[in-house]
Amino acid sequence: MDDIKKVLKSNSQEEKMDALLHGFYNFSKKVEKDIGQLKEDVAELKNMKEDVAELKGLTIAAFNDINKDIIEIKEMISDTNNRLDTIRRLTIENTEDIYKIKNNNSKAV
């Protein structure tokens, strides 16, 4: 930077033009390097976007599987509750029958 300031202070137009061209050349190389890095970053972001889309699909599939499992479990619980209700009803009926038999036997004696 100091070299450029010295050249710009000089009276020679040729030195000033050379310094400006050198500055523009260095600037263009830096811009090219930055553009290359940006292209790499964009490519990486595209890959990340694809990865995110894949993960999203896998997550949705996993939640669908979980929901199916929950529905199956609810159905199993409902079936179990129905069976328990049947067992309770039959137990009550059998208990009533036992008392009836017991009462009939007591009256018969």
PDB file of N, CA and C in Angstrom:
ATOM      1  N   MET A   1       0.825  -1.190   0.000  1.00  0.00           N
ATOM      2  CA  MET A   1       0.000   0.000   0.000  1.00  0.00           C
ATOM      3  C   MET A   1       0.868   1.253   0.000  1.00  0.00           C
ATOM      4  N   ASP A   2       1.938   1.197   0.793  1.00  0.00           N
ATOM      5  CA  ASP A   2       2.856   2.348   0.827  1.00  0.00           C
ATOM      6  C   ASP A   2       3.507   2.566  -0.522  1.00  0.00           C
ATOM      7  N   ASP A   3       3.820   1.466  -1.211  1.00  0.00           N
ATOM      8  CA  ASP A   3       4.438   1.593  -2.535  1.00  0.00           C
ATOM      9  C   ASP A   3       3.494   2.324  -3.483  1.00  0.00           C
ATOM     10  N   ILE A   4       2.223   1.989  -3.398  1.00  0.00           N
ATOM     11  CA  ILE A   4       1.242   2.631  -4.283  1.00  0.00           C
ATOM     12  C   ILE A   4       1.129   4.117  -3.952  1.00  0.00           C
ATOM     13  N   LYS A   5       1.148   4.459  -2.670  1.00  0.00           N
ATOM     14  CA  LYS A   5       1.085   5.877  -2.272  1.00  0.00           C
ATOM     15  C   LYS A   5       2.297   6.645  -2.805  1.00  0.00           C
ATOM     16  N   LYS A   6       3.475   6.029  -2.722  1.00  0.00           N
ATOM     17  CA  LYS A   6       4.695   6.678  -3.227  1.00  0.00           C
ATOM     18  C   LYS A   6       4.598   6.906  -4.728  1.00  0.00           C
ATOM     19  N   VAL A   7       4.108   5.869  -5.434  1.00  0.00           N
ATOM     20  CA  VAL A   7       4.004   5.977  -6.893  1.00  0.00           C
ATOM     21  C   VAL A   7       3.001   7.053  -7.267  1.00  0.00           C
ATOM     22  N   LEU A   8       1.872   7.092  -6.542  1.00  0.00           N
ATOM     23  CA  LEU A   8       0.854   8.089  -6.864  1.00  0.00           C
ATOM     24  C   LEU A   8       1.351   9.504  -6.599  1.00  0.00           C
ATOM     25  N   LYS A   9       2.287   9.676  -5.662  1.00  0.00           N
ATOM     26  CA  LYS A   9       2.850  10.993  -5.372  1.00  0.00           C
ATOM     27  C   LYS A   9       3.858  11.409  -6.434  1.00  0.00           C
ATOM     28  N   SER A  10       4.370  10.442  -7.176  1.00  0.00           N
ATOM     29  CA  SER A  10       5.370  10.776  -8.196  1.00  0.00           C
ATOM     30  C   SER A  10       4.698  11.538  -9.330  1.00  0.00           C
ATOM     31  N   ASN A  11       5.513  12.141 -10.115  1.00  0.00           N
ATOM     32  CA  ASN A  11       4.992  12.954 -11.209  1.00  0.00           C
ATOM     33  C   ASN A  11       4.823  12.175 -12.501  1.00  0.00           C
ATOM     34  N   SER A  12       5.367  10.982 -12.537  1.00  0.00           N
ATOM     35  CA  SER A  12       5.377  10.218 -13.772  1.00  0.00           C
ATOM     36  C   SER A  12       4.012   9.564 -13.995  1.00  0.00           C
ATOM     37  N   GLN A  13       3.391   9.896 -15.103  1.00  0.00           N
ATOM     38  CA  GLN A  13       2.114   9.296 -15.478  1.00  0.00           C
ATOM     39  C   GLN A  13       2.279   7.803 -15.733  1.00  0.00           C
ATOM     40  N   GLU A  14       3.415   7.444 -16.295  1.00  0.00           N
ATOM     41  CA  GLU A  14       3.664   6.040 -16.619  1.00  0.00           C
ATOM     42  C   GLU A  14       3.716   5.199 -15.335  1.00  0.00           C
ATOM     43  N   GLU A  15       4.409   5.716 -14.298  1.00  0.00           N
ATOM     44  CA  GLU A  15       4.474   4.996 -13.022  1.00  0.00           C
ATOM     45  C   GLU A  15       3.090   4.898 -12.394  1.00  0.00           C
ATOM     46  N   LYS A  16       2.325   5.982 -12.513  1.00  0.00           N
ATOM     47  CA  LYS A  16       0.961   5.951 -11.968  1.00  0.00           C
ATOM     48  C   LYS A  16       0.113   4.909 -12.692  1.00  0.00           C
ATOM     49  N   MET A  17       0.213   4.860 -14.008  1.00  0.00           N
ATOM     50  CA  MET A  17      -0.562   3.883 -14.789  1.00  0.00           C
ATOM     51  C   MET A  17      -0.123   2.456 -14.467  1.00  0.00           C
ATOM     52  N   ASP A  18       1.186   2.254 -14.354  1.00  0.00           N
ATOM     53  CA  ASP A  18       1.700   0.922 -14.001  1.00  0.00           C
ATOM     54  C   ASP A  18       1.188   0.497 -12.624  1.00  0.00           C
ATOM     55  N   ALA A  19       1.200   1.437 -11.679  1.00  0.00           N
ATOM     56  CA  ALA A  19       0.734   1.127 -10.329  1.00  0.00           C
ATOM     57  C   ALA A  19      -0.754   0.793 -10.335  1.00  0.00           C
ATOM     58  N   LEU A  20      -1.531   1.567 -11.103  1.00  0.00           N
ATOM     59  CA  LEU A  20      -2.963   1.285 -11.201  1.00  0.00           C
ATOM     60  C   LEU A  20      -3.216  -0.069 -11.857  1.00  0.00           C
ATOM     61  N   LEU A  21      -2.496  -0.355 -12.934  1.00  0.00           N
ATOM     62  CA  LEU A  21      -2.664  -1.658 -13.602  1.00  0.00           C
ATOM     63  C   LEU A  21      -2.288  -2.803 -12.666  1.00  0.00           C
ATOM     64  N   HIS A  22      -1.199  -2.615 -11.936  1.00  0.00           N
ATOM     65  CA  HIS A  22      -0.782  -3.636 -10.976  1.00  0.00           C
ATOM     66  C   HIS A  22      -1.862  -3.825  -9.901  1.00  0.00           C
ATOM     67  N   GLY A  23      -2.421  -2.730  -9.418  1.00  0.00           N
ATOM     68  CA  GLY A  23      -3.487  -2.798  -8.420  1.00  0.00           C
ATOM     69  C   GLY A  23      -4.723  -3.505  -8.955  1.00  0.00           C
ATOM     70  N   PHE A  24      -5.106  -3.150 -10.189  1.00  0.00           N
ATOM     71  CA  PHE A  24      -6.264  -3.805 -10.796  1.00  0.00           C
ATOM     72  C   PHE A  24      -6.003  -5.288 -11.023  1.00  0.00           C
ATOM     73  N   TYR A  25      -4.792  -5.614 -11.441  1.00  0.00           N
ATOM     74  CA  TYR A  25      -4.434  -7.014 -11.659  1.00  0.00           C
ATOM     75  C   TYR A  25      -4.573  -7.806 -10.346  1.00  0.00           C
ATOM     76  N   ASN A  26      -3.990  -7.284  -9.269  1.00  0.00           N
ATOM     77  CA  ASN A  26      -4.086  -7.957  -7.966  1.00  0.00           C
ATOM     78  C   ASN A  26      -5.538  -8.067  -7.505  1.00  0.00           C
ATOM     79  N   PHE A  27      -6.292  -6.993  -7.730  1.00  0.00           N
ATOM     80  CA  PHE A  27      -7.707  -6.999  -7.347  1.00  0.00           C
ATOM     81  C   PHE A  27      -8.462  -8.057  -8.140  1.00  0.00           C
ATOM     82  N   SER A  28      -8.208  -8.154  -9.457  1.00  0.00           N
ATOM     83  CA  SER A  28      -8.923  -9.132 -10.280  1.00  0.00           C
ATOM     84  C   SER A  28      -8.571 -10.561  -9.868  1.00  0.00           C
ATOM     85  N   LYS A  29      -7.318 -10.788  -9.482  1.00  0.00           N
ATOM     86  CA  LYS A  29      -6.924 -12.123  -9.018  1.00  0.00           C
ATOM     87  C   LYS A  29      -7.661 -12.465  -7.727  1.00  0.00           C
ATOM     88  N   LYS A  30      -7.787 -11.484  -6.841  1.00  0.00           N
ATOM     89  CA  LYS A  30      -8.505 -11.716  -5.583  1.00  0.00           C
ATOM     90  C   LYS A  30      -9.978 -11.994  -5.859  1.00  0.00           C
ATOM     91  N   VAL A  31     -10.560 -11.240  -6.794  1.00  0.00           N
ATOM     92  CA  VAL A  31     -11.961 -11.456  -7.165  1.00  0.00           C
ATOM     93  C   VAL A  31     -12.135 -12.852  -7.760  1.00  0.00           C
ATOM     94  N   GLU A  32     -11.216 -13.272  -8.637  1.00  0.00           N
ATOM     95  CA  GLU A  32     -11.292 -14.622  -9.215  1.00  0.00           C
ATOM     96  C   GLU A  32     -11.237 -15.687  -8.129  1.00  0.00           C
ATOM     97  N   LYS A  33     -10.337 -15.489  -7.169  1.00  0.00           N
ATOM     98  CA  LYS A  33     -10.216 -16.440  -6.063  1.00  0.00           C
ATOM     99  C   LYS A  33     -11.505 -16.472  -5.239  1.00  0.00           C
ATOM    100  N   ASP A  34     -12.065 -15.286  -4.971  1.00  0.00           N
ATOM    101  CA  ASP A  34     -13.311 -15.213  -4.203  1.00  0.00           C
ATOM    102  C   ASP A  34     -14.464 -15.873  -4.957  1.00  0.00           C
ATOM    103  N   ILE A  35     -14.515 -15.667  -6.271  1.00  0.00           N
ATOM    104  CA  ILE A  35     -15.563 -16.291  -7.094  1.00  0.00           C
ATOM    105  C   ILE A  35     -15.425 -17.813  -7.049  1.00  0.00           C
ATOM    106  N   GLY A  36     -14.183 -18.288  -7.152  1.00  0.00           N
ATOM    107  CA  GLY A  36     -13.954 -19.736  -7.057  1.00  0.00           C
ATOM    108  C   GLY A  36     -14.422 -20.289  -5.724  1.00  0.00           C
ATOM    109  N   GLN A  37     -14.129 -19.581  -4.643  1.00  0.00           N
ATOM    110  CA  GLN A  37     -14.562 -20.022  -3.317  1.00  0.00           C
ATOM    111  C   GLN A  37     -16.088 -19.998  -3.210  1.00  0.00           C
ATOM    112  N   LEU A  38     -16.699 -18.958  -3.761  1.00  0.00           N
ATOM    113  CA  LEU A  38     -18.163 -18.878  -3.739  1.00  0.00           C
ATOM    114  C   LEU A  38     -18.799 -20.022  -4.519  1.00  0.00           C
ATOM    115  N   LYS A  39     -18.196 -20.388  -5.658  1.00  0.00           N
ATOM    116  CA  LYS A  39     -18.722 -21.516  -6.432  1.00  0.00           C
ATOM    117  C   LYS A  39     -18.633 -22.809  -5.631  1.00  0.00           C
ATOM    118  N   GLU A  40     -17.520 -22.995  -4.929  1.00  0.00           N
ATOM    119  CA  GLU A  40     -17.377 -24.178  -4.076  1.00  0.00           C
ATOM    120  C   GLU A  40     -18.421 -24.163  -2.959  1.00  0.00           C
ATOM    121  N   ASP A  41     -18.622 -22.997  -2.369  1.00  0.00           N
ATOM    122  CA  ASP A  41     -19.607 -22.872  -1.292  1.00  0.00           C
ATOM    123  C   ASP A  41     -21.012 -23.170  -1.791  1.00  0.00           C
ATOM    124  N   VAL A  42     -21.346 -22.685  -2.987  1.00  0.00           N
ATOM    125  CA  VAL A  42     -22.661 -22.943  -3.573  1.00  0.00           C
ATOM    126  C   VAL A  42     -22.846 -24.435  -3.827  1.00  0.00           C
ATOM    127  N   ALA A  43     -21.807 -25.081  -4.351  1.00  0.00           N
ATOM    128  CA  ALA A  43     -21.894 -26.530  -4.604  1.00  0.00           C
ATOM    129  C   ALA A  43     -22.103 -27.284  -3.287  1.00  0.00           C
ATOM    130  N   GLU A  44     -21.383 -26.858  -2.260  1.00  0.00           N
ATOM    131  CA  GLU A  44     -21.533 -27.510  -0.955  1.00  0.00           C
ATOM    132  C   GLU A  44     -22.937 -27.286  -0.395  1.00  0.00           C
ATOM    133  N   LEU A  45     -23.459 -26.084  -0.567  1.00  0.00           N
ATOM    134  CA  LEU A  45     -24.816 -25.799  -0.094  1.00  0.00           C
ATOM    135  C   LEU A  45     -25.856 -26.630  -0.853  1.00  0.00           C
ATOM    136  N   LYS A  46     -25.636 -26.824  -2.159  1.00  0.00           N
ATOM    137  CA  LYS A  46     -26.557 -27.675  -2.933  1.00  0.00           C
ATOM    138  C   LYS A  46     -26.535 -29.105  -2.406  1.00  0.00           C
ATOM    139  N   ASN A  47     -25.342 -29.603  -2.098  1.00  0.00           N
ATOM    140  CA  ASN A  47     -25.241 -30.953  -1.527  1.00  0.00           C
ATOM    141  C   ASN A  47     -25.937 -31.021  -0.178  1.00  0.00           C
ATOM    142  N   MET A  48     -25.757 -29.976   0.624  1.00  0.00           N
ATOM    143  CA  MET A  48     -26.403 -29.948   1.940  1.00  0.00           C
ATOM    144  C   MET A  48     -27.923 -29.906   1.776  1.00  0.00           C
ATOM    145  N   LYS A  49     -28.391 -29.167   0.785  1.00  0.00           N
ATOM    146  CA  LYS A  49     -29.829 -29.083   0.523  1.00  0.00           C
ATOM    147  C   LYS A  49     -30.380 -30.469   0.177  1.00  0.00           C
ATOM    148  N   GLU A  50     -29.635 -31.200  -0.660  1.00  0.00           N
ATOM    149  CA  GLU A  50     -30.050 -32.557  -1.025  1.00  0.00           C
ATOM    150  C   GLU A  50     -30.051 -33.468   0.204  1.00  0.00           C
ATOM    151  N   ASP A  51     -29.041 -33.323   1.058  1.00  0.00           N
ATOM    152  CA  ASP A  51     -28.973 -34.121   2.282  1.00  0.00           C
ATOM    153  C   ASP A  51     -30.158 -33.812   3.196  1.00  0.00           C
ATOM    154  N   VAL A  52     -30.491 -32.530   3.309  1.00  0.00           N
ATOM    155  CA  VAL A  52     -31.615 -32.129   4.150  1.00  0.00           C
ATOM    156  C   VAL A  52     -32.916 -32.702   3.592  1.00  0.00           C
ATOM    157  N   ALA A  53     -33.066 -32.658   2.272  1.00  0.00           N
ATOM    158  CA  ALA A  53     -34.274 -33.213   1.652  1.00  0.00           C
ATOM    159  C   ALA A  53     -34.367 -34.717   1.926  1.00  0.00           C
ATOM    160  N   GLU A  54     -33.233 -35.404   1.839  1.00  0.00           N
ATOM    161  CA  GLU A  54     -33.222 -36.842   2.110  1.00  0.00           C
ATOM    162  C   GLU A  54     -33.580 -37.111   3.579  1.00  0.00           C
ATOM    163  N   LEU A  55     -32.991 -36.334   4.482  1.00  0.00           N
ATOM    164  CA  LEU A  55     -33.295 -36.498   5.904  1.00  0.00           C
ATOM    165  C   LEU A  55     -34.762 -36.197   6.186  1.00  0.00           C
ATOM    166  N   LYS A  56     -35.286 -35.199   5.511  1.00  0.00           N
ATOM    167  CA  LYS A  56     -36.706 -34.863   5.680  1.00  0.00           C
ATOM    168  C   LYS A  56     -37.573 -36.052   5.271  1.00  0.00           C
ATOM    169  N   GLY A  57     -37.236 -36.644   4.131  1.00  0.00           N
ATOM    170  CA  GLY A  57     -37.988 -37.815   3.671  1.00  0.00           C
ATOM    171  C   GLY A  57     -37.897 -38.974   4.649  1.00  0.00           C
ATOM    172  N   LEU A  58     -36.690 -39.210   5.170  1.00  0.00           N
ATOM    173  CA  LEU A  58     -36.504 -40.295   6.139  1.00  0.00           C
ATOM    174  C   LEU A  58     -37.265 -40.007   7.434  1.00  0.00           C
ATOM    175  N   THR A  59     -37.259 -38.750   7.845  1.00  0.00           N
ATOM    176  CA  THR A  59     -37.971 -38.372   9.067  1.00  0.00           C
ATOM    177  C   THR A  59     -39.466 -38.570   8.899  1.00  0.00           C
ATOM    178  N   ILE A  60     -39.994 -38.149   7.767  1.00  0.00           N
ATOM    179  CA  ILE A  60     -41.428 -38.325   7.508  1.00  0.00           C
ATOM    180  C   ILE A  60     -41.776 -39.810   7.482  1.00  0.00           C
ATOM    181  N   ALA A  61     -40.946 -40.608   6.846  1.00  0.00           N
ATOM    182  CA  ALA A  61     -41.185 -42.052   6.786  1.00  0.00           C
ATOM    183  C   ALA A  61     -41.156 -42.655   8.194  1.00  0.00           C
ATOM    184  N   ALA A  62     -40.194 -42.205   9.011  1.00  0.00           N
ATOM    185  CA  ALA A  62     -40.098 -42.721  10.381  1.00  0.00           C
ATOM    186  C   ALA A  62     -41.339 -42.344  11.182  1.00  0.00           C
ATOM    187  N   PHE A  63     -41.803 -41.103  11.048  1.00  0.00           N
ATOM    188  CA  PHE A  63     -43.006 -40.688  11.770  1.00  0.00           C
ATOM    189  C   PHE A  63     -44.232 -41.458  11.285  1.00  0.00           C
ATOM    190  N   ASN A  64     -44.305 -41.730   9.986  1.00  0.00           N
ATOM    191  CA  ASN A  64     -45.416 -42.528   9.468  1.00  0.00           C
ATOM    192  C   ASN A  64     -45.393 -43.930  10.072  1.00  0.00           C
ATOM    193  N   ASP A  65     -44.201 -44.520  10.154  1.00  0.00           N
ATOM    194  CA  ASP A  65     -44.072 -45.842  10.770  1.00  0.00           C
ATOM    195  C   ASP A  65     -44.480 -45.795  12.241  1.00  0.00           C
ATOM    196  N   ILE A  66     -44.046 -44.757  12.938  1.00  0.00           N
ATOM    197  CA  ILE A  66     -44.399 -44.612  14.356  1.00  0.00           C
ATOM    198  C   ILE A  66     -45.911 -44.479  14.505  1.00  0.00           C
ATOM    199  N   ASN A  67     -46.525 -43.669  13.636  1.00  0.00           N
ATOM    200  CA  ASN A  67     -47.983 -43.502  13.704  1.00  0.00           C
ATOM    201  C   ASN A  67     -48.705 -44.820  13.449  1.00  0.00           C
ATOM    202  N   LYS A  68     -48.195 -45.618  12.498  1.00  0.00           N
ATOM    203  CA  LYS A  68     -48.798 -46.928  12.234  1.00  0.00           C
ATOM    204  C   LYS A  68     -48.679 -47.815  13.480  1.00  0.00           C
ATOM    205  N   ASP A  69     -47.494 -47.781  14.107  1.00  0.00           N
ATOM    206  CA  ASP A  69     -47.290 -48.580  15.319  1.00  0.00           C
ATOM    207  C   ASP A  69     -48.231 -48.127  16.430  1.00  0.00           C
ATOM    208  N   ILE A  70     -48.423 -46.824  16.563  1.00  0.00           N
ATOM    209  CA  ILE A  70     -49.333 -46.303  17.598  1.00  0.00           C
ATOM    210  C   ILE A  70     -50.751 -46.779  17.336  1.00  0.00           C
ATOM    211  N   ILE A  71     -51.169 -46.748  16.079  1.00  0.00           N
ATOM    212  CA  ILE A  71     -52.520 -47.221  15.736  1.00  0.00           C
ATOM    213  C   ILE A  71     -52.661 -48.703  16.079  1.00  0.00           C
ATOM    214  N   GLU A  72     -51.636 -49.499  15.748  1.00  0.00           N
ATOM    215  CA  GLU A  72     -51.675 -50.932  16.079  1.00  0.00           C
ATOM    216  C   GLU A  72     -51.747 -51.149  17.582  1.00  0.00           C
ATOM    217  N   ILE A  73     -50.968 -50.374  18.328  1.00  0.00           N
ATOM    218  CA  ILE A  73     -50.976 -50.508  19.792  1.00  0.00           C
ATOM    219  C   ILE A  73     -52.343 -50.134  20.348  1.00  0.00           C
ATOM    220  N   LYS A  74     -52.937 -49.064  19.818  1.00  0.00           N
ATOM    221  CA  LYS A  74     -54.283 -48.663  20.268  1.00  0.00           C
ATOM    222  C   LYS A  74     -55.297 -49.770  19.991  1.00  0.00           C
ATOM    223  N   GLU A  75     -55.180 -50.402  18.816  1.00  0.00           N
ATOM    224  CA  GLU A  75     -56.085 -51.504  18.478  1.00  0.00           C
ATOM    225  C   GLU A  75     -55.873 -52.681  19.427  1.00  0.00           C
ATOM    226  N   MET A  76     -54.603 -52.959  19.746  1.00  0.00           N
ATOM    227  CA  MET A  76     -54.316 -54.058  20.682  1.00  0.00           C
ATOM    228  C   MET A  76     -54.874 -53.740  22.073  1.00  0.00           C
ATOM    229  N   ILE A  77     -54.740 -52.507  22.504  1.00  0.00           N
ATOM    230  CA  ILE A  77     -55.280 -52.104  23.806  1.00  0.00           C
ATOM    231  C   ILE A  77     -56.803 -52.230  23.804  1.00  0.00           C
ATOM    232  N   SER A  78     -57.418 -51.800  22.717  1.00  0.00           N
ATOM    233  CA  SER A  78     -58.877 -51.905  22.603  1.00  0.00           C
ATOM    234  C   SER A  78     -59.315 -53.380  22.648  1.00  0.00           C
ATOM    235  N   ASP A  79     -58.605 -54.239  21.908  1.00  0.00           N
ATOM    236  CA  ASP A  79     -58.923 -55.673  21.938  1.00  0.00           C
ATOM    237  C   ASP A  79     -58.751 -56.239  23.345  1.00  0.00           C
ATOM    238  N   THR A  80     -57.673 -55.844  24.007  1.00  0.00           N
ATOM    239  CA  THR A  80     -57.416 -56.320  25.374  1.00  0.00           C
ATOM    240  C   THR A  80     -58.516 -55.851  26.313  1.00  0.00           C
ATOM    241  N   ASN A  81     -58.915 -54.595  26.181  1.00  0.00           N
ATOM    242  CA  ASN A  81     -60.000 -54.076  27.022  1.00  0.00           C
ATOM    243  C   ASN A  81     -61.300 -54.818  26.770  1.00  0.00           C
ATOM    244  N   ASN A  82     -61.575 -55.130  25.508  1.00  0.00           N
ATOM    245  CA  ASN A  82     -62.788 -55.897  25.185  1.00  0.00           C
ATOM    246  C   ASN A  82     -62.733 -57.293  25.819  1.00  0.00           C
ATOM    247  N   ARG A  83     -61.564 -57.906  25.744  1.00  0.00           N
ATOM    248  CA  ARG A  83     -61.412 -59.229  26.358  1.00  0.00           C
ATOM    249  C   ARG A  83     -61.578 -59.148  27.877  1.00  0.00           C
ATOM    250  N   LEU A  84     -60.986 -58.114  28.473  1.00  0.00           N
ATOM    251  CA  LEU A  84     -61.131 -57.939  29.924  1.00  0.00           C
ATOM    252  C   LEU A  84     -62.590 -57.719  30.304  1.00  0.00           C
ATOM    253  N   ASP A  85     -63.306 -56.926  29.504  1.00  0.00           N
ATOM    254  CA  ASP A  85     -64.736 -56.721  29.762  1.00  0.00           C
ATOM    255  C   ASP A  85     -65.498 -58.040  29.679  1.00  0.00           C
ATOM    256  N   THR A  86     -65.143 -58.861  28.686  1.00  0.00           N
ATOM    257  CA  THR A  86     -65.788 -60.175  28.549  1.00  0.00           C
ATOM    258  C   THR A  86     -65.488 -61.043  29.769  1.00  0.00           C
ATOM    259  N   ILE A  87     -64.213 -61.039  30.197  1.00  0.00           N
ATOM    260  CA  ILE A  87     -63.820 -61.825  31.376  1.00  0.00           C
ATOM    261  C   ILE A  87     -64.577 -61.337  32.607  1.00  0.00           C
ATOM    262  N   ARG A  88     -64.691 -60.020  32.788  1.00  0.00           N
ATOM    263  CA  ARG A  88     -65.433 -59.473  33.940  1.00  0.00           C
ATOM    264  C   ARG A  88     -66.897 -59.907  33.899  1.00  0.00           C
ATOM    265  N   ARG A  89     -67.493 -59.778  32.714  1.00  0.00           N
ATOM    266  CA  ARG A  89     -68.896 -60.153  32.567  1.00  0.00           C
ATOM    267  C   ARG A  89     -69.096 -61.630  32.866  1.00  0.00           C
ATOM    268  N   LEU A  90     -68.225 -62.472  32.305  1.00  0.00           N
ATOM    269  CA  LEU A  90     -68.339 -63.901  32.546  1.00  0.00           C
ATOM    270  C   LEU A  90     -68.080 -64.246  34.012  1.00  0.00           C
ATOM    271  N   THR A  91     -67.140 -63.535  34.624  1.00  0.00           N
ATOM    272  CA  THR A  91     -66.855 -63.762  36.045  1.00  0.00           C
ATOM    273  C   THR A  91     -68.075 -63.415  36.891  1.00  0.00           C
ATOM    274  N   ILE A  92     -68.699 -62.293  36.565  1.00  0.00           N
ATOM    275  CA  ILE A  92     -69.907 -61.892  37.315  1.00  0.00           C
ATOM    276  C   ILE A  92     -71.017 -62.906  37.102  1.00  0.00           C
ATOM    277  N   GLU A  93     -71.225 -63.321  35.858  1.00  0.00           N
ATOM    278  CA  GLU A  93     -72.263 -64.309  35.569  1.00  0.00           C
ATOM    279  C   GLU A  93     -71.976 -65.620  36.291  1.00  0.00           C
ATOM    280  N   ASN A  94     -70.716 -66.070  36.263  1.00  0.00           N
ATOM    281  CA  ASN A  94     -70.361 -67.321  36.932  1.00  0.00           C
ATOM    282  C   ASN A  94     -70.528 -67.196  38.445  1.00  0.00           C
ATOM    283  N   THR A  95     -70.145 -66.024  38.969  1.00  0.00           N
ATOM    284  CA  THR A  95     -70.306 -65.806  40.415  1.00  0.00           C
ATOM    285  C   THR A  95     -71.775 -65.845  40.784  1.00  0.00           C
ATOM    286  N   GLU A  96     -72.609 -65.203  39.988  1.00  0.00           N
ATOM    287  CA  GLU A  96     -74.055 -65.222  40.240  1.00  0.00           C
ATOM    288  C   GLU A  96     -74.591 -66.649  40.159  1.00  0.00           C
ATOM    289  N   ASP A  97     -74.119 -67.391  39.157  1.00  0.00           N
ATOM    290  CA  ASP A  97     -74.551 -68.784  39.026  1.00  0.00           C
ATOM    291  C   ASP A  97     -74.110 -69.605  40.236  1.00  0.00           C
ATOM    292  N   ILE A  98     -72.889 -69.359  40.710  1.00  0.00           N
ATOM    293  CA  ILE A  98     -72.382 -70.082  41.879  1.00  0.00           C
ATOM    294  C   ILE A  98     -73.260 -69.780  43.088  1.00  0.00           C
ATOM    295  N   TYR A  99     -73.605 -68.495  43.300  1.00  0.00           N
ATOM    296  CA  TYR A  99     -74.475 -68.131  44.424  1.00  0.00           C
ATOM    297  C   TYR A  99     -75.864 -68.768  44.286  1.00  0.00           C
ATOM    298  N   LYS A 100     -76.370 -68.793  43.060  1.00  0.00           N
ATOM    299  CA  LYS A 100     -77.684 -69.412  42.840  1.00  0.00           C
ATOM    300  C   LYS A 100     -77.632 -70.897  43.198  1.00  0.00           C
ATOM    301  N   ILE A 101     -76.564 -71.560  42.718  1.00  0.00           N
ATOM    302  CA  ILE A 101     -76.418 -72.995  43.019  1.00  0.00           C
ATOM    303  C   ILE A 101     -76.265 -73.193  44.517  1.00  0.00           C
ATOM    304  N   LYS A 102     -75.449 -72.354  45.142  1.00  0.00           N
ATOM    305  CA  LYS A 102     -75.221 -72.457  46.581  1.00  0.00           C
ATOM    306  C   LYS A 102     -76.536 -72.242  47.343  1.00  0.00           C
ATOM    307  N   ASN A 103     -77.290 -71.227  46.915  1.00  0.00           N
ATOM    308  CA  ASN A 103     -78.572 -70.945  47.573  1.00  0.00           C
ATOM    309  C   ASN A 103     -79.562 -72.083  47.347  1.00  0.00           C
ATOM    310  N   ASN A 104     -79.561 -72.629  46.143  1.00  0.00           N
ATOM    311  CA  ASN A 104     -80.464 -73.747  45.866  1.00  0.00           C
ATOM    312  C   ASN A 104     -80.062 -74.974  46.688  1.00  0.00           C
ATOM    313  N   ASN A 105     -78.778 -75.196  46.841  1.00  0.00           N
ATOM    314  CA  ASN A 105     -78.303 -76.324  47.637  1.00  0.00           C
ATOM    315  C   ASN A 105     -78.638 -76.122  49.111  1.00  0.00           C
ATOM    316  N   SER A 106     -78.542 -74.892  49.566  1.00  0.00           N
ATOM    317  CA  SER A 106     -78.853 -74.597  50.968  1.00  0.00           C
ATOM    318  C   SER A 106     -80.334 -74.830  51.231  1.00  0.00           C
ATOM    319  N   LYS A 107     -81.195 -74.451  50.300  1.00  0.00           N
ATOM    320  CA  LYS A 107     -82.635 -74.617  50.465  1.00  0.00           C
ATOM    321  C   LYS A 107     -83.009 -76.096  50.373  1.00  0.00           C
ATOM    322  N   ALA A 108     -82.239 -76.818  49.587  1.00  0.00           N
ATOM    323  CA  ALA A 108     -82.553 -78.224  49.397  1.00  0.00           C
ATOM    324  C   ALA A 108     -82.196 -79.046  50.620  1.00  0.00           C
ATOM    325  N   VAL A 109     -81.248 -78.564  51.414  1.00  0.00           N
ATOM    326  CA  VAL A 109     -80.820 -79.350  52.567  1.00  0.00           C
ATOM    327  C   VAL A 109     -81.777 -79.260  53.672  1.00  0.00           C
TER     328      VAL A 109
END
